[in-house]
Amino acid sequence: MMTGPSAVAQAAVFVAFPVAAAILGSIIAVLRPPGPKATSAVQHFAAGVVMAALAGEVLPDLRNEGSLPWAITGFVVGTAIMLALGALGRALERKQESSGTGLPVGFLVAVGIDLLLDGLLVGLGAALGAQQGLILTIALTIEILFIGLSVTITLIRNGLSRTRAVAITTALGLLTGVGALGGAAALGGASHQVLAFVLAVGAAALLYLVVEELLTEAHEHTETAFLGAMFFLGFLTIYVMAGL
């Protein structure tokens, strides 16, 4: 377990990668947006990566904290937050579609909170140790690369200019840095109960991301053996890296 200043310094290094991934994803979306099959392949791969980080790092760390009541409470809170965000996002999107405004506020709010939570996990990983922080950072970097890609494409489809779409996506990506640095500062040296609670919230958020977002959207494209294999390739990639 790292102390506050050490955890913040470590988190600052780690979070540079997912922030850069959000910017890179937005640039790719502007210069060469991928087709439906390529997008589905990335979603499958990202889902496998996040699931591996969840199963290999978050859940074992949660068990090691040894505080079941706090873990259960955190998981319930995390689930409630993600379900509420999903419902809020859908409601605001319907309102935006009916009003005809160009900026999908509900979508952006949901993405922003999601990225804050992702940043919090990076900060938590840094507070727990270098290996946990590295694996979580790799998984979330790949996830956020896709988020940057999809957010920029969505904004352009809603009539925003490419420059403005990239700027908004970049600003959202910076929220990951806010969550990481704030989380590392707050959680460095925290009690086992607090760590168990936050880890459980993060576990619920990652599980929701994989099941309700990445795989749901990935299956909108006709499923093939190649696309299914991308999920397991993503899982295996993180599994092997965690064992090195």
Foldseek 3Di string as FASTA:
>chain_A
DFAQVQLLVLLLVLLVLLLVLLLVLLVCLVPPADDLQVLLLLLLLLLLLLVLLLVPFLVVLLVVLPDVVLLVVLLVVLLVVLVVLVVQLVVQQVVCVVVLDLDSVSVLVSLLVLLLLLLLLLSLLSLVHDLSNNSSSVSSSSVSSSVSNVQLNSSVVSPDDSVVSSVSSSVSSCSSVVSNSVNNNVPNVNHSSVSSSSSSSSSNSSVCCSPVPSNVSSVVDPDDPSSNVSNVVSNVVSVVVSVD
